Amino acid sequence: MPGPAAGRGVFPLGETVALADLEADPHPLLARLREHEPVSWLPALSGWLVTRRDLALRVLRDTAAFTVDDPRFSTARVVGPSMLSLDGAEHGRHRAPFTRGFSHAEVRSRLASYVEAEAGRLVAALRPLGAGDLRPGLAGPLAVAVVAEALGLGRTDPGTILEWYGAIVAAVSAQAGAPGGALRARR
């Protein structure tokens, strides 16, 4: 993936970012980037990071200039072409079977009360601990429970599904040999 042609100093904030900064508490860093360098080259990722919503939407919608077809994004090598690895019309064709029943209004009417109740249950389970990691304690289990509910799978053990997901991520990461998964500018 090509970096900035002008060299060092063009993206002073992005050039200082380390992977540890993104793994620990990325929010202050992302806020600084969003305010001062909303499009930035991050050598630590060997890629571009777009932190402002309006700019990110422009990138996502401009399939003539940007693509998800990046050799570092190895999911396609593991599971084959999918909406995660295709652009434009082919992306739309692969995505179409999953869009029925998932419009904002449909999801809200079908799942809002379920999501609120499930989030409340998970937060209540964390409360006696006094502290907790929200990713494994709330976000992961909530995402799994909501998807299982949306797909009509009933009460599915989030731990089992998250283990499967972890195994898939490990396989994809091993295939890639490095972190990946980004939109990139077309050459």
N, C-alpha and C. Protein backbone atom coordinates (compact mmCIF):
# COMPACT_ATOMS: atom_id res chain seq x y z
N MET A 1 0.84 -1.18 0.00
CA MET A 1 0.00 0.00 0.00
C MET A 1 0.88 1.23 0.00
N PRO A 2 0.66 2.14 -0.93
CA PRO A 2 1.51 3.32 -1.01
C PRO A 2 1.23 4.28 0.13
N GLY A 3 2.29 4.87 0.66
CA GLY A 3 2.16 5.90 1.68
C GLY A 3 2.20 7.26 1.05
N PRO A 4 2.26 8.30 1.87
CA PRO A 4 2.30 9.65 1.33
C PRO A 4 3.59 9.88 0.56
N ALA A 5 3.48 10.46 -0.61
CA ALA A 5 4.63 10.66 -1.48
C ALA A 5 5.58 11.73 -0.94
N ALA A 6 5.06 12.68 -0.18
CA ALA A 6 5.88 13.80 0.26
C ALA A 6 6.84 13.44 1.38
N GLY A 7 6.67 12.30 2.02
CA GLY A 7 7.61 11.89 3.06
C GLY A 7 7.23 12.36 4.45
N ARG A 8 8.20 12.30 5.34
CA ARG A 8 7.97 12.60 6.75
C ARG A 8 7.56 14.05 6.96
N GLY A 9 6.81 14.27 8.02
CA GLY A 9 6.40 15.60 8.39
C GLY A 9 5.07 16.04 7.80
N VAL A 10 4.57 15.31 6.82
CA VAL A 10 3.31 15.67 6.19
C VAL A 10 2.13 15.37 7.11
N PHE A 11 2.25 14.27 7.87
CA PHE A 11 1.20 13.84 8.79
C PHE A 11 1.82 13.71 10.19
N PRO A 12 2.13 14.85 10.84
CA PRO A 12 2.89 14.80 12.08
C PRO A 12 2.21 14.02 13.21
N LEU A 13 0.90 14.08 13.32
CA LEU A 13 0.23 13.31 14.37
C LEU A 13 0.24 11.82 14.04
N GLY A 14 -0.14 11.49 12.82
CA GLY A 14 -0.19 10.09 12.42
C GLY A 14 1.16 9.41 12.51
N GLU A 15 2.23 10.16 12.22
CA GLU A 15 3.57 9.58 12.26
C GLU A 15 4.00 9.18 13.65
N THR A 16 3.36 9.77 14.69
CA THR A 16 3.75 9.47 16.07
C THR A 16 2.93 8.34 16.68
N VAL A 17 1.92 7.87 16.00
CA VAL A 17 1.02 6.85 16.55
C VAL A 17 1.72 5.49 16.57
N ALA A 18 1.64 4.83 17.72
CA ALA A 18 2.14 3.46 17.86
C ALA A 18 0.95 2.53 18.04
N LEU A 19 1.12 1.27 17.70
CA LEU A 19 0.04 0.30 17.88
C LEU A 19 -0.46 0.28 19.31
N ALA A 20 0.44 0.43 20.27
CA ALA A 20 0.05 0.43 21.69
C ALA A 20 -0.92 1.57 21.99
N ASP A 21 -0.75 2.72 21.31
CA ASP A 21 -1.67 3.85 21.50
C ASP A 21 -3.08 3.49 21.07
N LEU A 22 -3.19 2.70 20.02
CA LEU A 22 -4.50 2.32 19.49
C LEU A 22 -5.13 1.19 20.29
N GLU A 23 -4.31 0.37 20.93
CA GLU A 23 -4.82 -0.76 21.69
C GLU A 23 -5.24 -0.37 23.10
N ALA A 24 -4.56 0.58 23.71
CA ALA A 24 -4.83 0.95 25.10
C ALA A 24 -6.13 1.75 25.18
N ASP A 25 -6.03 3.06 25.09
CA ASP A 25 -7.19 3.95 25.13
C ASP A 25 -7.10 4.86 23.91
N PRO A 26 -7.67 4.44 22.78
CA PRO A 26 -7.48 5.19 21.54
C PRO A 26 -8.29 6.47 21.43
N HIS A 27 -9.27 6.66 22.31
CA HIS A 27 -10.23 7.76 22.13
C HIS A 27 -9.61 9.15 22.16
N PRO A 28 -8.71 9.48 23.10
CA PRO A 28 -8.09 10.82 23.04
C PRO A 28 -7.27 11.03 21.77
N LEU A 29 -6.54 10.01 21.37
CA LEU A 29 -5.74 10.09 20.14
C LEU A 29 -6.64 10.29 18.92
N LEU A 30 -7.71 9.50 18.83
CA LEU A 30 -8.63 9.62 17.70
C LEU A 30 -9.30 10.99 17.68
N ALA A 31 -9.60 11.55 18.85
CA ALA A 31 -10.20 12.89 18.91
C ALA A 31 -9.21 13.94 18.39
N ARG A 32 -7.92 13.81 18.77
CA ARG A 32 -6.91 14.75 18.26
C ARG A 32 -6.77 14.64 16.74
N LEU A 33 -6.72 13.41 16.26
CA LEU A 33 -6.62 13.21 14.81
C LEU A 33 -7.84 13.79 14.11
N ARG A 34 -9.03 13.52 14.66
CA ARG A 34 -10.26 14.01 14.04
C ARG A 34 -10.24 15.54 13.95
N GLU A 35 -9.71 16.20 14.98
CA GLU A 35 -9.70 17.66 15.01
C GLU A 35 -8.60 18.26 14.13
N HIS A 36 -7.40 17.68 14.16
CA HIS A 36 -6.25 18.31 13.52
C HIS A 36 -5.76 17.62 12.24
N GLU A 37 -6.04 16.32 12.10
CA GLU A 37 -5.52 15.56 10.96
C GLU A 37 -6.52 14.45 10.62
N PRO A 38 -7.71 14.83 10.15
CA PRO A 38 -8.78 13.84 9.99
C PRO A 38 -8.50 12.77 8.93
N VAL A 39 -7.58 13.04 8.04
CA VAL A 39 -7.07 12.02 7.12
C VAL A 39 -5.58 11.97 7.38
N SER A 40 -5.10 10.82 7.83
CA SER A 40 -3.70 10.74 8.24
C SER A 40 -3.08 9.41 7.82
N TRP A 41 -1.81 9.47 7.48
CA TRP A 41 -1.03 8.26 7.20
C TRP A 41 -0.43 7.79 8.52
N LEU A 42 -0.70 6.54 8.90
CA LEU A 42 -0.15 5.97 10.12
C LEU A 42 0.86 4.88 9.75
N PRO A 43 2.15 5.18 9.84
CA PRO A 43 3.15 4.17 9.54
C PRO A 43 2.97 2.91 10.37
N ALA A 44 2.49 3.05 11.60
CA ALA A 44 2.28 1.88 12.47
C ALA A 44 1.29 0.90 11.86
N LEU A 45 0.37 1.40 11.05
CA LEU A 45 -0.62 0.55 10.38
C LEU A 45 -0.27 0.33 8.91
N SER A 46 0.72 1.04 8.44
CA SER A 46 1.03 1.07 7.00
C SER A 46 -0.23 1.38 6.21
N GLY A 47 -0.98 2.35 6.72
CA GLY A 47 -2.23 2.68 6.06
C GLY A 47 -2.77 4.03 6.46
N TRP A 48 -3.81 4.41 5.77
CA TRP A 48 -4.49 5.68 6.02
C TRP A 48 -5.56 5.47 7.07
N LEU A 49 -5.79 6.48 7.88
CA LEU A 49 -6.86 6.47 8.87
C LEU A 49 -7.70 7.72 8.66
N VAL A 50 -8.99 7.52 8.48
CA VAL A 50 -9.93 8.62 8.30
C VAL A 50 -10.80 8.65 9.54
N THR A 51 -10.76 9.76 10.29
CA THR A 51 -11.43 9.81 11.58
C THR A 51 -12.67 10.69 11.61
N ARG A 52 -12.95 11.42 10.55
CA ARG A 52 -14.14 12.26 10.51
C ARG A 52 -15.23 11.55 9.72
N ARG A 53 -16.43 11.52 10.26
CA ARG A 53 -17.54 10.77 9.66
C ARG A 53 -17.82 11.17 8.23
N ASP A 54 -17.92 12.46 7.96
CA ASP A 54 -18.25 12.90 6.60
C ASP A 54 -17.19 12.44 5.60
N LEU A 55 -15.93 12.50 5.99
CA LEU A 55 -14.86 12.05 5.09
C LEU A 55 -14.87 10.53 4.95
N ALA A 56 -15.12 9.83 6.04
CA ALA A 56 -15.18 8.36 5.98
C ALA A 56 -16.31 7.91 5.05
N LEU A 57 -17.45 8.58 5.12
CA LEU A 57 -18.57 8.23 4.24
C LEU A 57 -18.20 8.48 2.78
N ARG A 58 -17.47 9.56 2.50
CA ARG A 58 -17.03 9.82 1.12
C ARG A 58 -16.13 8.70 0.63
N VAL A 59 -15.22 8.25 1.48
CA VAL A 59 -14.31 7.16 1.10
C VAL A 59 -15.11 5.89 0.86
N LEU A 60 -16.00 5.56 1.78
CA LEU A 60 -16.78 4.32 1.65
C LEU A 60 -17.66 4.30 0.41
N ARG A 61 -18.13 5.46 -0.01
CA ARG A 61 -19.06 5.52 -1.13
C ARG A 61 -18.37 5.70 -2.48
N ASP A 62 -17.09 6.01 -2.49
CA ASP A 62 -16.38 6.26 -3.74
C ASP A 62 -15.59 5.01 -4.14
N THR A 63 -16.27 4.03 -4.72
CA THR A 63 -15.61 2.78 -5.08
C THR A 63 -14.74 2.92 -6.33
N ALA A 64 -14.84 4.06 -7.02
CA ALA A 64 -13.95 4.28 -8.15
C ALA A 64 -12.55 4.67 -7.66
N ALA A 65 -12.47 5.35 -6.53
CA ALA A 65 -11.18 5.81 -6.01
C ALA A 65 -10.62 4.92 -4.90
N PHE A 66 -11.49 4.23 -4.17
CA PHE A 66 -11.06 3.43 -3.02
C PHE A 66 -11.61 2.02 -3.14
N THR A 67 -10.87 1.08 -2.57
CA THR A 67 -11.30 -0.32 -2.65
C THR A 67 -11.02 -1.04 -1.34
N VAL A 68 -11.77 -2.09 -1.08
CA VAL A 68 -11.48 -2.98 0.04
C VAL A 68 -10.59 -4.13 -0.40
N ASP A 69 -10.27 -4.17 -1.70
CA ASP A 69 -9.43 -5.23 -2.25
C ASP A 69 -7.97 -4.94 -1.92
N ASP A 70 -7.56 -5.36 -0.76
CA ASP A 70 -6.22 -5.10 -0.25
C ASP A 70 -5.59 -6.45 0.09
N PRO A 71 -4.41 -6.75 -0.40
CA PRO A 71 -3.80 -8.06 -0.12
C PRO A 71 -3.62 -8.33 1.37
N ARG A 72 -3.55 -7.27 2.19
CA ARG A 72 -3.43 -7.48 3.63
C ARG A 72 -4.75 -7.92 4.25
N PHE A 73 -5.85 -7.69 3.54
CA PHE A 73 -7.17 -8.06 4.05
C PHE A 73 -7.43 -9.48 3.58
N SER A 74 -7.04 -10.44 4.41
CA SER A 74 -6.97 -11.83 3.96
C SER A 74 -8.25 -12.62 4.14
N THR A 75 -9.30 -12.01 4.63
CA THR A 75 -10.54 -12.76 4.82
C THR A 75 -10.98 -13.43 3.52
N ALA A 76 -10.86 -12.75 2.42
CA ALA A 76 -11.26 -13.33 1.13
C ALA A 76 -10.43 -14.56 0.80
N ARG A 77 -9.17 -14.57 1.19
CA ARG A 77 -8.33 -15.74 0.94
C ARG A 77 -8.75 -16.92 1.79
N VAL A 78 -9.36 -16.63 2.95
CA VAL A 78 -9.77 -17.71 3.86
C VAL A 78 -11.19 -18.17 3.57
N VAL A 79 -12.13 -17.22 3.38
CA VAL A 79 -13.54 -17.60 3.21
C VAL A 79 -14.07 -17.35 1.80
N GLY A 80 -13.27 -16.75 0.93
CA GLY A 80 -13.71 -16.47 -0.42
C GLY A 80 -14.32 -15.09 -0.53
N PRO A 81 -14.68 -14.68 -1.74
CA PRO A 81 -15.24 -13.35 -1.95
C PRO A 81 -16.54 -13.18 -1.16
N SER A 82 -16.70 -12.01 -0.57
CA SER A 82 -17.90 -11.70 0.19
C SER A 82 -18.11 -10.19 0.19
N MET A 83 -19.16 -9.75 0.84
CA MET A 83 -19.40 -8.31 0.90
C MET A 83 -18.27 -7.60 1.63
N LEU A 84 -17.45 -8.32 2.40
CA LEU A 84 -16.33 -7.72 3.10
C LEU A 84 -15.12 -7.48 2.20
N SER A 85 -15.08 -8.15 1.04
CA SER A 85 -13.90 -8.06 0.19
C SER A 85 -14.20 -7.59 -1.23
N LEU A 86 -15.42 -7.13 -1.46
CA LEU A 86 -15.81 -6.71 -2.81
C LEU A 86 -16.30 -5.27 -2.79
N ASP A 87 -16.22 -4.61 -3.92
CA ASP A 87 -16.66 -3.23 -4.08
C ASP A 87 -17.83 -3.16 -5.05
N GLY A 88 -18.48 -2.02 -5.05
CA GLY A 88 -19.48 -1.68 -6.06
C GLY A 88 -20.61 -2.68 -6.21
N ALA A 89 -20.92 -3.00 -7.45
CA ALA A 89 -22.07 -3.87 -7.75
C ALA A 89 -21.91 -5.27 -7.15
N GLU A 90 -20.68 -5.81 -7.18
CA GLU A 90 -20.46 -7.15 -6.61
C GLU A 90 -20.68 -7.13 -5.11
N HIS A 91 -20.24 -6.06 -4.45
CA HIS A 91 -20.50 -5.90 -3.02
C HIS A 91 -22.01 -5.91 -2.77
N GLY A 92 -22.72 -5.12 -3.57
CA GLY A 92 -24.17 -5.03 -3.43
C GLY A 92 -24.85 -6.37 -3.64
N ARG A 93 -24.38 -7.14 -4.61
CA ARG A 93 -24.97 -8.45 -4.88
C ARG A 93 -24.77 -9.40 -3.69
N HIS A 94 -23.59 -9.38 -3.10
CA HIS A 94 -23.33 -10.24 -1.95
C HIS A 94 -24.04 -9.76 -0.69
N ARG A 95 -24.26 -8.46 -0.58
CA ARG A 95 -24.89 -7.88 0.60
C ARG A 95 -26.42 -8.01 0.57
N ALA A 96 -26.99 -8.00 -0.62
CA ALA A 96 -28.45 -7.96 -0.78
C ALA A 96 -29.20 -9.01 0.05
N PRO A 97 -28.78 -10.27 0.09
CA PRO A 97 -29.55 -11.24 0.88
C PRO A 97 -29.60 -10.92 2.38
N PHE A 98 -28.68 -10.10 2.84
CA PHE A 98 -28.62 -9.79 4.27
C PHE A 98 -29.33 -8.50 4.63
N THR A 99 -29.80 -7.76 3.65
CA THR A 99 -30.41 -6.46 3.94
C THR A 99 -31.89 -6.57 4.27
N ARG A 100 -32.55 -7.62 3.77
CA ARG A 100 -33.98 -7.77 4.08
C ARG A 100 -34.17 -7.92 5.58
N GLY A 101 -35.05 -7.08 6.12
CA GLY A 101 -35.32 -7.15 7.55
C GLY A 101 -34.31 -6.41 8.41
N PHE A 102 -33.34 -5.75 7.78
CA PHE A 102 -32.32 -5.07 8.56
C PHE A 102 -32.24 -3.57 8.28
N SER A 103 -33.33 -2.99 7.78
CA SER A 103 -33.36 -1.53 7.64
C SER A 103 -33.39 -0.95 9.06
N HIS A 104 -33.03 0.31 9.18
CA HIS A 104 -33.02 0.94 10.50
C HIS A 104 -34.39 0.83 11.19
N ALA A 105 -35.44 1.14 10.45
CA ALA A 105 -36.79 1.09 11.03
C ALA A 105 -37.18 -0.33 11.45
N GLU A 106 -36.86 -1.31 10.59
CA GLU A 106 -37.21 -2.70 10.91
C GLU A 106 -36.43 -3.20 12.13
N VAL A 107 -35.17 -2.90 12.17
CA VAL A 107 -34.36 -3.34 13.30
C VAL A 107 -34.85 -2.68 14.58
N ARG A 108 -35.12 -1.40 14.51
CA ARG A 108 -35.59 -0.68 15.70
C ARG A 108 -36.91 -1.26 16.20
N SER A 109 -37.84 -1.50 15.31
CA SER A 109 -39.14 -2.00 15.76
C SER A 109 -39.05 -3.43 16.29
N ARG A 110 -38.20 -4.25 15.70
CA ARG A 110 -38.09 -5.65 16.12
C ARG A 110 -37.17 -5.87 17.31
N LEU A 111 -36.12 -5.05 17.42
CA LEU A 111 -35.06 -5.40 18.37
C LEU A 111 -34.79 -4.38 19.47
N ALA A 112 -35.35 -3.19 19.40
CA ALA A 112 -35.01 -2.14 20.38
C ALA A 112 -35.23 -2.61 21.82
N SER A 113 -36.41 -3.15 22.10
CA SER A 113 -36.67 -3.56 23.48
C SER A 113 -35.79 -4.74 23.89
N TYR A 114 -35.51 -5.64 22.95
CA TYR A 114 -34.62 -6.76 23.25
C TYR A 114 -33.22 -6.26 23.58
N VAL A 115 -32.70 -5.33 22.76
CA VAL A 115 -31.36 -4.79 22.98
C VAL A 115 -31.28 -4.09 24.33
N GLU A 116 -32.27 -3.28 24.64
CA GLU A 116 -32.28 -2.58 25.94
C GLU A 116 -32.29 -3.57 27.10
N ALA A 117 -33.12 -4.60 27.02
CA ALA A 117 -33.20 -5.59 28.10
C ALA A 117 -31.89 -6.38 28.22
N GLU A 118 -31.33 -6.79 27.11
CA GLU A 118 -30.09 -7.56 27.13
C GLU A 118 -28.93 -6.71 27.63
N ALA A 119 -28.86 -5.47 27.19
CA ALA A 119 -27.80 -4.56 27.68
C ALA A 119 -27.96 -4.36 29.18
N GLY A 120 -29.18 -4.17 29.64
CA GLY A 120 -29.44 -4.02 31.08
C GLY A 120 -29.00 -5.24 31.87
N ARG A 121 -29.29 -6.42 31.34
CA ARG A 121 -28.90 -7.67 32.01
C ARG A 121 -27.38 -7.78 32.11
N LEU A 122 -26.68 -7.47 31.02
CA LEU A 122 -25.23 -7.56 31.00
C LEU A 122 -24.59 -6.52 31.92
N VAL A 123 -25.11 -5.30 31.93
CA VAL A 123 -24.59 -4.27 32.83
C VAL A 123 -24.84 -4.67 34.28
N ALA A 124 -26.01 -5.22 34.57
CA ALA A 124 -26.31 -5.68 35.94
C ALA A 124 -25.33 -6.76 36.38
N ALA A 125 -24.92 -7.61 35.46
CA ALA A 125 -23.95 -8.66 35.80
C ALA A 125 -22.57 -8.07 36.09
N LEU A 126 -22.24 -6.95 35.44
CA LEU A 126 -20.95 -6.29 35.67
C LEU A 126 -20.95 -5.46 36.95
N ARG A 127 -22.11 -4.93 37.31
CA ARG A 127 -22.21 -3.97 38.43
C ARG A 127 -21.60 -4.49 39.72
N PRO A 128 -21.88 -5.72 40.16
CA PRO A 128 -21.29 -6.17 41.43
C PRO A 128 -19.76 -6.23 41.42
N LEU A 129 -19.19 -6.32 40.23
CA LEU A 129 -17.73 -6.38 40.13
C LEU A 129 -17.10 -5.02 40.40
N GLY A 130 -17.86 -3.94 40.23
CA GLY A 130 -17.36 -2.59 40.46
C GLY A 130 -16.55 -2.03 39.31
N ALA A 131 -16.09 -2.89 38.43
CA ALA A 131 -15.33 -2.49 37.25
C ALA A 131 -15.36 -3.65 36.27
N GLY A 132 -15.06 -3.37 35.04
CA GLY A 132 -15.05 -4.46 34.07
C GLY A 132 -14.59 -3.98 32.72
N ASP A 133 -14.14 -4.91 31.93
CA ASP A 133 -13.74 -4.63 30.56
C ASP A 133 -14.99 -4.71 29.70
N LEU A 134 -15.37 -3.61 29.10
CA LEU A 134 -16.64 -3.56 28.37
C LEU A 134 -16.63 -4.40 27.09
N ARG A 135 -15.48 -4.63 26.52
CA ARG A 135 -15.45 -5.41 25.28
C ARG A 135 -15.91 -6.85 25.54
N PRO A 136 -15.25 -7.61 26.42
CA PRO A 136 -15.70 -8.99 26.64
C PRO A 136 -16.91 -9.10 27.58
N GLY A 137 -17.13 -8.07 28.39
CA GLY A 137 -18.22 -8.14 29.35
C GLY A 137 -19.54 -7.60 28.86
N LEU A 138 -19.51 -6.73 27.86
CA LEU A 138 -20.75 -6.12 27.37
C LEU A 138 -20.84 -6.14 25.84
N ALA A 139 -19.88 -5.53 25.16
CA ALA A 139 -19.99 -5.35 23.71
C ALA A 139 -20.05 -6.68 22.96
N GLY A 140 -19.13 -7.60 23.24
CA GLY A 140 -19.11 -8.89 22.54
C GLY A 140 -20.37 -9.70 22.79
N PRO A 141 -20.70 -9.95 24.07
CA PRO A 141 -21.90 -10.74 24.34
C PRO A 141 -23.18 -10.07 23.83
N LEU A 142 -23.26 -8.74 23.89
CA LEU A 142 -24.45 -8.05 23.39
C LEU A 142 -24.56 -8.20 21.88
N ALA A 143 -23.46 -8.03 21.16
CA ALA A 143 -23.49 -8.18 19.70
C ALA A 143 -23.93 -9.59 19.32
N VAL A 144 -23.37 -10.60 19.99
CA VAL A 144 -23.73 -11.99 19.68
C VAL A 144 -25.21 -12.24 19.98
N ALA A 145 -25.67 -11.78 21.14
CA ALA A 145 -27.06 -12.01 21.52
C ALA A 145 -28.02 -11.34 20.54
N VAL A 146 -27.71 -10.13 20.11
CA VAL A 146 -28.59 -9.40 19.19
C VAL A 146 -28.61 -10.08 17.82
N VAL A 147 -27.45 -10.48 17.32
CA VAL A 147 -27.43 -11.16 16.02
C VAL A 147 -28.17 -12.49 16.11
N ALA A 148 -27.96 -13.23 17.20
CA ALA A 148 -28.68 -14.50 17.37
C ALA A 148 -30.18 -14.26 17.40
N GLU A 149 -30.61 -13.23 18.09
CA GLU A 149 -32.03 -12.90 18.16
C GLU A 149 -32.56 -12.50 16.78
N ALA A 150 -31.80 -11.66 16.07
CA ALA A 150 -32.22 -11.21 14.74
C ALA A 150 -32.34 -12.37 13.77
N LEU A 151 -31.49 -13.37 13.92
CA LEU A 151 -31.51 -14.52 13.02
C LEU A 151 -32.43 -15.63 13.51
N GLY A 152 -33.08 -15.41 14.65
CA GLY A 152 -34.01 -16.40 15.19
C GLY A 152 -33.33 -17.61 15.80
N LEU A 153 -32.12 -17.44 16.30
CA LEU A 153 -31.39 -18.56 16.90
C LEU A 153 -31.67 -18.75 18.38
N GLY A 154 -32.46 -17.85 18.96
CA GLY A 154 -32.79 -17.97 20.37
C GLY A 154 -31.58 -17.73 21.26
N ARG A 155 -31.65 -18.27 22.47
CA ARG A 155 -30.57 -18.08 23.44
C ARG A 155 -29.36 -18.91 23.02
N THR A 156 -28.40 -18.27 22.42
CA THR A 156 -27.17 -18.92 22.00
C THR A 156 -26.07 -18.47 22.95
N ASP A 157 -25.20 -19.38 23.35
CA ASP A 157 -24.13 -19.04 24.28
C ASP A 157 -23.15 -18.09 23.60
N PRO A 158 -23.09 -16.82 24.06
CA PRO A 158 -22.18 -15.86 23.43
C PRO A 158 -20.72 -16.30 23.52
N GLY A 159 -20.34 -16.94 24.62
CA GLY A 159 -18.96 -17.39 24.77
C GLY A 159 -18.53 -18.34 23.67
N THR A 160 -19.41 -19.27 23.31
CA THR A 160 -19.09 -20.23 22.25
C THR A 160 -18.92 -19.53 20.92
N ILE A 161 -19.84 -18.64 20.60
CA ILE A 161 -19.77 -17.93 19.32
C ILE A 161 -18.54 -17.01 19.28
N LEU A 162 -18.24 -16.36 20.40
CA LEU A 162 -17.06 -15.50 20.45
C LEU A 162 -15.77 -16.32 20.33
N GLU A 163 -15.77 -17.54 20.85
CA GLU A 163 -14.61 -18.43 20.65
C GLU A 163 -14.46 -18.78 19.17
N TRP A 164 -15.58 -19.08 18.50
CA TRP A 164 -15.53 -19.37 17.06
C TRP A 164 -14.99 -18.16 16.32
N TYR A 165 -15.51 -16.98 16.67
CA TYR A 165 -15.06 -15.75 16.03
C TYR A 165 -13.56 -15.56 16.26
N GLY A 166 -13.10 -15.79 17.48
CA GLY A 166 -11.68 -15.67 17.79
C GLY A 166 -10.84 -16.62 16.95
N ALA A 167 -11.34 -17.83 16.74
CA ALA A 167 -10.62 -18.80 15.92
C ALA A 167 -10.56 -18.34 14.46
N ILE A 168 -11.65 -17.77 13.96
CA ILE A 168 -11.66 -17.26 12.59
C ILE A 168 -10.68 -16.10 12.46
N VAL A 169 -10.70 -15.18 13.42
CA VAL A 169 -9.78 -14.04 13.39
C VAL A 169 -8.34 -14.54 13.44
N ALA A 170 -8.05 -15.53 14.28
CA ALA A 170 -6.69 -16.07 14.37
C ALA A 170 -6.27 -16.69 13.04
N ALA A 171 -7.17 -17.42 12.40
CA ALA A 171 -6.86 -18.04 11.11
C ALA A 171 -6.59 -16.99 10.04
N VAL A 172 -7.42 -15.96 10.02
CA VAL A 172 -7.25 -14.90 9.03
C VAL A 172 -5.95 -14.15 9.31
N SER A 173 -5.68 -13.86 10.59
CA SER A 173 -4.45 -13.15 10.94
C SER A 173 -3.22 -13.98 10.59
N ALA A 174 -3.29 -15.27 10.84
CA ALA A 174 -2.16 -16.14 10.49
C ALA A 174 -1.94 -16.16 8.98
N GLN A 175 -3.03 -16.16 8.23
CA GLN A 175 -2.93 -16.15 6.76
C GLN A 175 -2.27 -14.86 6.29
N ALA A 176 -2.63 -13.75 6.93
CA ALA A 176 -2.12 -12.45 6.52
C ALA A 176 -0.70 -12.21 7.01
N GLY A 177 -0.39 -12.75 8.17
CA GLY A 177 0.92 -12.52 8.75
C GLY A 177 1.06 -11.16 9.39
N ALA A 178 -0.01 -10.36 9.37
CA ALA A 178 0.01 -9.02 9.94
C ALA A 178 -1.40 -8.51 10.05
N PRO A 179 -1.62 -7.46 10.88
CA PRO A 179 -2.97 -6.90 10.92
C PRO A 179 -3.35 -6.33 9.57
N GLY A 180 -4.60 -6.44 9.21
CA GLY A 180 -5.05 -5.92 7.92
C GLY A 180 -6.51 -5.58 7.96
N GLY A 181 -7.04 -5.27 6.82
CA GLY A 181 -8.46 -4.96 6.71
C GLY A 181 -8.68 -3.46 6.63
N ALA A 182 -8.46 -2.90 5.51
CA ALA A 182 -8.64 -1.47 5.36
C ALA A 182 -9.01 -1.15 3.94
N LEU A 183 -9.70 -0.04 3.79
CA LEU A 183 -9.91 0.47 2.44
C LEU A 183 -8.59 1.06 1.98
N ARG A 184 -8.31 0.98 0.74
CA ARG A 184 -7.10 1.60 0.23
C ARG A 184 -7.42 2.32 -1.07
N ALA A 185 -6.59 3.29 -1.37
CA ALA A 185 -6.77 4.03 -2.62
C ALA A 185 -6.42 3.11 -3.77
N ARG A 186 -7.20 3.21 -4.83
CA ARG A 186 -6.90 2.43 -6.04
C ARG A 186 -5.68 3.05 -6.69
N ARG A 187 -4.88 2.24 -7.33
CA ARG A 187 -3.67 2.74 -8.01
C ARG A 187 -4.00 3.15 -9.42
